[in-house]
PDB file of N, CA and C in Angstrom:
ATOM      1  N   UNK A   1     -29.082 -22.477  -8.042  1.00  0.00           N
ATOM      2  CA  UNK A   1     -27.355 -22.439  -7.624  1.00  0.00           C
ATOM      3  C   UNK A   1     -27.038 -23.712  -7.218  1.00  0.00           C
ATOM      4  N   UNK A   2     -26.526 -24.229  -7.796  1.00  0.00           N
ATOM      5  CA  UNK A   2     -25.824 -25.796  -7.750  1.00  0.00           C
ATOM      6  C   UNK A   2     -24.696 -25.232  -6.133  1.00  0.00           C
ATOM      7  N   UNK A   3     -24.297 -26.639  -5.532  1.00  0.00           N
ATOM      8  CA  UNK A   3     -23.076 -26.598  -4.349  1.00  0.00           C
ATOM      9  C   UNK A   3     -22.385 -26.046  -4.938  1.00  0.00           C
ATOM     10  N   UNK A   4     -21.452 -26.073  -5.731  1.00  0.00           N
ATOM     11  CA  UNK A   4     -20.128 -25.746  -6.379  1.00  0.00           C
ATOM     12  C   UNK A   4     -20.399 -24.248  -6.625  1.00  0.00           C
ATOM     13  N   UNK A   5     -21.236 -23.688  -7.280  1.00  0.00           N
ATOM     14  CA  UNK A   5     -21.094 -21.979  -7.014  1.00  0.00           C
ATOM     15  C   UNK A   5     -21.480 -21.528  -5.682  1.00  0.00           C
ATOM     16  N   UNK A   6     -22.156 -22.028  -5.549  1.00  0.00           N
ATOM     17  CA  UNK A   6     -22.408 -21.507  -4.064  1.00  0.00           C
ATOM     18  C   UNK A   6     -21.171 -21.629  -3.105  1.00  0.00           C
ATOM     19  N   UNK A   7     -20.509 -22.765  -3.053  1.00  0.00           N
ATOM     20  CA  UNK A   7     -18.904 -22.620  -2.320  1.00  0.00           C
ATOM     21  C   UNK A   7     -18.201 -21.308  -3.083  1.00  0.00           C
ATOM     22  N   UNK A   8     -18.033 -21.587  -4.546  1.00  0.00           N
ATOM     23  CA  UNK A   8     -17.240 -20.757  -5.006  1.00  0.00           C
ATOM     24  C   UNK A   8     -17.290 -19.464  -4.492  1.00  0.00           C
ATOM     25  N   UNK A   9     -18.477 -19.066  -4.497  1.00  0.00           N
ATOM     26  CA  UNK A   9     -19.138 -17.471  -4.448  1.00  0.00           C
ATOM     27  C   UNK A   9     -18.659 -16.937  -2.588  1.00  0.00           C
ATOM     28  N   UNK A  10     -18.826 -18.147  -1.854  1.00  0.00           N
ATOM     29  CA  UNK A  10     -18.396 -17.956  -0.563  1.00  0.00           C
ATOM     30  C   UNK A  10     -16.906 -17.551  -0.637  1.00  0.00           C
ATOM     31  N   UNK A  11     -16.203 -18.511  -0.737  1.00  0.00           N
ATOM     32  CA  UNK A  11     -14.784 -18.065  -0.932  1.00  0.00           C
ATOM     33  C   UNK A  11     -14.443 -16.822  -1.717  1.00  0.00           C
ATOM     34  N   UNK A  12     -15.207 -16.474  -2.546  1.00  0.00           N
ATOM     35  CA  UNK A  12     -15.120 -15.315  -3.506  1.00  0.00           C
ATOM     36  C   UNK A  12     -14.911 -14.113  -2.517  1.00  0.00           C
ATOM     37  N   UNK A  13     -16.362 -13.843  -1.706  1.00  0.00           N
ATOM     38  CA  UNK A  13     -16.600 -13.282  -0.879  1.00  0.00           C
ATOM     39  C   UNK A  13     -15.458 -12.920   0.563  1.00  0.00           C
ATOM     40  N   UNK A  14     -15.152 -14.119   0.762  1.00  0.00           N
ATOM     41  CA  UNK A  14     -14.391 -14.116   1.955  1.00  0.00           C
ATOM     42  C   UNK A  14     -12.807 -13.476   1.580  1.00  0.00           C
ATOM     43  N   UNK A  15     -12.153 -14.014   0.441  1.00  0.00           N
ATOM     44  CA  UNK A  15     -10.841 -13.433  -0.285  1.00  0.00           C
ATOM     45  C   UNK A  15     -11.216 -12.098  -0.383  1.00  0.00           C
ATOM     46  N   UNK A  16     -12.217 -11.465  -1.184  1.00  0.00           N
ATOM     47  CA  UNK A  16     -12.371 -10.420  -1.136  1.00  0.00           C
ATOM     48  C   UNK A  16     -12.679  -9.417   0.328  1.00  0.00           C
ATOM     49  N   UNK A  17     -13.328  -9.920   1.006  1.00  0.00           N
ATOM     50  CA  UNK A  17     -13.391  -9.014   2.511  1.00  0.00           C
ATOM     51  C   UNK A  17     -11.448  -9.236   3.197  1.00  0.00           C
ATOM     52  N   UNK A  18     -10.840 -10.141   2.711  1.00  0.00           N
ATOM     53  CA  UNK A  18      -9.546 -10.698   3.617  1.00  0.00           C
ATOM     54  C   UNK A  18      -8.656  -9.158   2.849  1.00  0.00           C
ATOM     55  N   UNK A  19      -8.918  -9.070   1.159  1.00  0.00           N
ATOM     56  CA  UNK A  19      -7.805  -8.122   1.101  1.00  0.00           C
ATOM     57  C   UNK A  19      -8.583  -6.545   1.109  1.00  0.00           C
ATOM     58  N   UNK A  20      -9.979  -6.557   1.616  1.00  0.00           N
ATOM     59  CA  UNK A  20      -9.834  -5.140   1.482  1.00  0.00           C
ATOM     60  C   UNK A  20      -9.654  -5.052   3.518  1.00  0.00           C
ATOM     61  N   UNK A  21      -9.642  -5.625   3.908  1.00  0.00           N
ATOM     62  CA  UNK A  21      -8.503  -5.768   5.440  1.00  0.00           C
ATOM     63  C   UNK A  21      -7.358  -5.119   5.251  1.00  0.00           C
ATOM     64  N   UNK A  22      -6.585  -6.732   4.508  1.00  0.00           N
ATOM     65  CA  UNK A  22      -5.190  -5.887   3.885  1.00  0.00           C
ATOM     66  C   UNK A  22      -4.835  -4.529   3.553  1.00  0.00           C
ATOM     67  N   UNK A  23      -5.662  -4.534   2.679  1.00  0.00           N
ATOM     68  CA  UNK A  23      -5.239  -2.648   2.305  1.00  0.00           C
ATOM     69  C   UNK A  23      -5.577  -2.117   3.082  1.00  0.00           C
ATOM     70  N   UNK A  24      -6.499  -2.121   3.970  1.00  0.00           N
ATOM     71  CA  UNK A  24      -6.999  -0.545   4.546  1.00  0.00           C
ATOM     72  C   UNK A  24      -6.051  -0.909   6.292  1.00  0.00           C
ATOM     73  N   UNK A  25      -5.650  -2.039   6.675  1.00  0.00           N
ATOM     74  CA  UNK A  25      -4.041  -2.112   7.490  1.00  0.00           C
ATOM     75  C   UNK A  25      -2.747  -1.572   6.847  1.00  0.00           C
ATOM     76  N   UNK A  26      -2.771  -1.466   5.877  1.00  0.00           N
ATOM     77  CA  UNK A  26      -1.446  -1.445   5.362  1.00  0.00           C
ATOM     78  C   UNK A  26      -1.658   0.392   5.130  1.00  0.00           C
ATOM     79  N   UNK A  27      -2.647   0.778   4.832  1.00  0.00           N
ATOM     80  CA  UNK A  27      -2.940   2.247   4.545  1.00  0.00           C
ATOM     81  C   UNK A  27      -3.224   3.230   5.993  1.00  0.00           C
ATOM     82  N   UNK A  28      -3.645   2.109   6.877  1.00  0.00           N
ATOM     83  CA  UNK A  28      -3.548   2.807   8.393  1.00  0.00           C
ATOM     84  C   UNK A  28      -1.879   2.859   9.150  1.00  0.00           C
ATOM     85  N   UNK A  29      -1.412   2.337   8.631  1.00  0.00           N
ATOM     86  CA  UNK A  29       0.065   2.066   8.880  1.00  0.00           C
ATOM     87  C   UNK A  29       1.349   3.414   8.098  1.00  0.00           C
ATOM     88  N   UNK A  30       0.627   3.974   7.071  1.00  0.00           N
ATOM     89  CA  UNK A  30       1.406   4.685   6.209  1.00  0.00           C
ATOM     90  C   UNK A  30       1.294   5.968   6.301  1.00  0.00           C
ATOM     91  N   UNK A  31       1.995   7.146   5.985  1.00  0.00           N
ATOM     92  CA  UNK A  31       1.306   8.320   5.747  1.00  0.00           C
ATOM     93  C   UNK A  31       1.803   8.692   4.075  1.00  0.00           C
ATOM     94  N   UNK A  32       0.752   9.823   3.974  1.00  0.00           N
ATOM     95  CA  UNK A  32       0.858  10.426   2.536  1.00  0.00           C
ATOM     96  C   UNK A  32       2.377  11.497   2.470  1.00  0.00           C
ATOM     97  N   UNK A  33       3.274  10.965   1.583  1.00  0.00           N
ATOM     98  CA  UNK A  33       4.021  11.687   1.548  1.00  0.00           C
ATOM     99  C   UNK A  33       4.472  13.322   1.179  1.00  0.00           C
ATOM    100  N   UNK A  34       3.509  13.991   0.884  1.00  0.00           N
ATOM    101  CA  UNK A  34       3.367  15.275   0.951  1.00  0.00           C
ATOM    102  C   UNK A  34       2.809  15.799   2.007  1.00  0.00           C
ATOM    103  N   UNK A  35       2.673  14.883   3.161  1.00  0.00           N
ATOM    104  CA  UNK A  35       1.944  15.719   4.619  1.00  0.00           C
ATOM    105  C   UNK A  35       3.960  15.630   5.720  1.00  0.00           C
ATOM    106  N   UNK A  36       4.548  15.013   5.262  1.00  0.00           N
ATOM    107  CA  UNK A  36       6.162  15.006   5.780  1.00  0.00           C
ATOM    108  C   UNK A  36       6.923  16.281   5.879  1.00  0.00           C
ATOM    109  N   UNK A  37       6.364  17.200   5.150  1.00  0.00           N
ATOM    110  CA  UNK A  37       6.803  18.732   5.044  1.00  0.00           C
ATOM    111  C   UNK A  37       8.287  18.298   3.925  1.00  0.00           C
ATOM    112  N   UNK A  38       9.412  19.281   4.024  1.00  0.00           N
ATOM    113  CA  UNK A  38      10.440  18.773   3.633  1.00  0.00           C
ATOM    114  C   UNK A  38      11.578  18.624   3.971  1.00  0.00           C
ATOM    115  N   UNK A  39      12.103  17.109   3.953  1.00  0.00           N
ATOM    116  CA  UNK A  39      13.417  17.024   4.635  1.00  0.00           C
ATOM    117  C   UNK A  39      14.250  17.463   4.145  1.00  0.00           C
ATOM    118  N   UNK A  40      15.290  17.443   4.616  1.00  0.00           N
ATOM    119  CA  UNK A  40      16.798  18.542   4.142  1.00  0.00           C
ATOM    120  C   UNK A  40      17.329  17.289   3.309  1.00  0.00           C
ATOM    121  N   UNK A  41      17.030  16.092   3.122  1.00  0.00           N
ATOM    122  CA  UNK A  41      17.337  15.242   2.119  1.00  0.00           C
ATOM    123  C   UNK A  41      16.726  15.540   0.729  1.00  0.00           C
ATOM    124  N   UNK A  42      15.806  15.789   1.055  1.00  0.00           N
ATOM    125  CA  UNK A  42      15.046  16.525  -0.249  1.00  0.00           C
ATOM    126  C   UNK A  42      15.196  17.630  -1.094  1.00  0.00           C
ATOM    127  N   UNK A  43      15.592  18.496  -0.033  1.00  0.00           N
ATOM    128  CA  UNK A  43      15.940  20.023  -0.819  1.00  0.00           C
ATOM    129  C   UNK A  43      17.044  20.175  -1.125  1.00  0.00           C
ATOM    130  N   UNK A  44      18.282  19.567  -0.231  1.00  0.00           N
ATOM    131  CA  UNK A  44      19.438  19.346  -0.852  1.00  0.00           C
ATOM    132  C   UNK A  44      20.183  18.080  -1.151  1.00  0.00           C
ATOM    133  N   UNK A  45      20.701  17.464  -2.272  1.00  0.00           N
ATOM    134  CA  UNK A  45      20.928  16.263  -2.250  1.00  0.00           C
ATOM    135  C   UNK A  45      22.167  16.094  -1.837  1.00  0.00           C
ATOM    136  N   UNK A  46      22.442  14.946  -1.191  1.00  0.00           N
ATOM    137  CA  UNK A  46      23.608  14.891  -0.251  1.00  0.00           C
ATOM    138  C   UNK A  46      24.789  15.016  -1.600  1.00  0.00           C
ATOM    139  N   UNK A  47      26.116  14.660  -1.125  1.00  0.00           N
ATOM    140  CA  UNK A  47      27.663  14.387  -2.084  1.00  0.00           C
ATOM    141  C   UNK A  47      27.636  13.056  -2.927  1.00  0.00           C
ATOM    142  N   UNK A  48      26.903  12.729  -1.738  1.00  0.00           N
ATOM    143  CA  UNK A  48      27.277  10.986  -2.636  1.00  0.00           C
ATOM    144  C   UNK A  48      26.527  10.616  -3.942  1.00  0.00           C
ATOM    145  N   UNK A  49      25.294  11.593  -3.903  1.00  0.00           N
ATOM    146  CA  UNK A  49      24.586  11.580  -5.123  1.00  0.00           C
ATOM    147  C   UNK A  49      25.473  12.282  -6.040  1.00  0.00           C
ATOM    148  N   UNK A  50      26.295  13.190  -6.165  1.00  0.00           N
ATOM    149  CA  UNK A  50      26.653  13.950  -6.724  1.00  0.00           C
ATOM    150  C   UNK A  50      27.626  13.399  -7.786  1.00  0.00           C
ATOM    151  N   UNK A  51      27.787  13.792  -9.187  1.00  0.00           N
ATOM    152  CA  UNK A  51      28.226  12.346  -9.803  1.00  0.00           C
ATOM    153  C   UNK A  51      29.127  13.691 -10.968  1.00  0.00           C
ATOM    154  N   UNK A  52      28.998  14.989 -10.848  1.00  0.00           N
ATOM    155  CA  UNK A  52      29.675  16.004 -11.447  1.00  0.00           C
ATOM    156  C   UNK A  52      31.332  16.020 -11.412  1.00  0.00           C
ATOM    157  N   UNK A  53      31.618  15.494 -10.245  1.00  0.00           N
ATOM    158  CA  UNK A  53      33.192  16.027  -9.982  1.00  0.00           C
ATOM    159  C   UNK A  53      34.075  14.732 -11.259  1.00  0.00           C
TER     160      UNK A  53
END
């Protein structure tokens, strides 16, 4: 394996590990929408969204 391929492989592995870390970090800070329960806004839409008048 020549030097250029080795450098590319090392950079690709580092990039992949950084992307995995970013994905894990984002997913650990958010919650699944189904675990929130039923909020008032979801059950009864607000009057500002009602355009039937």
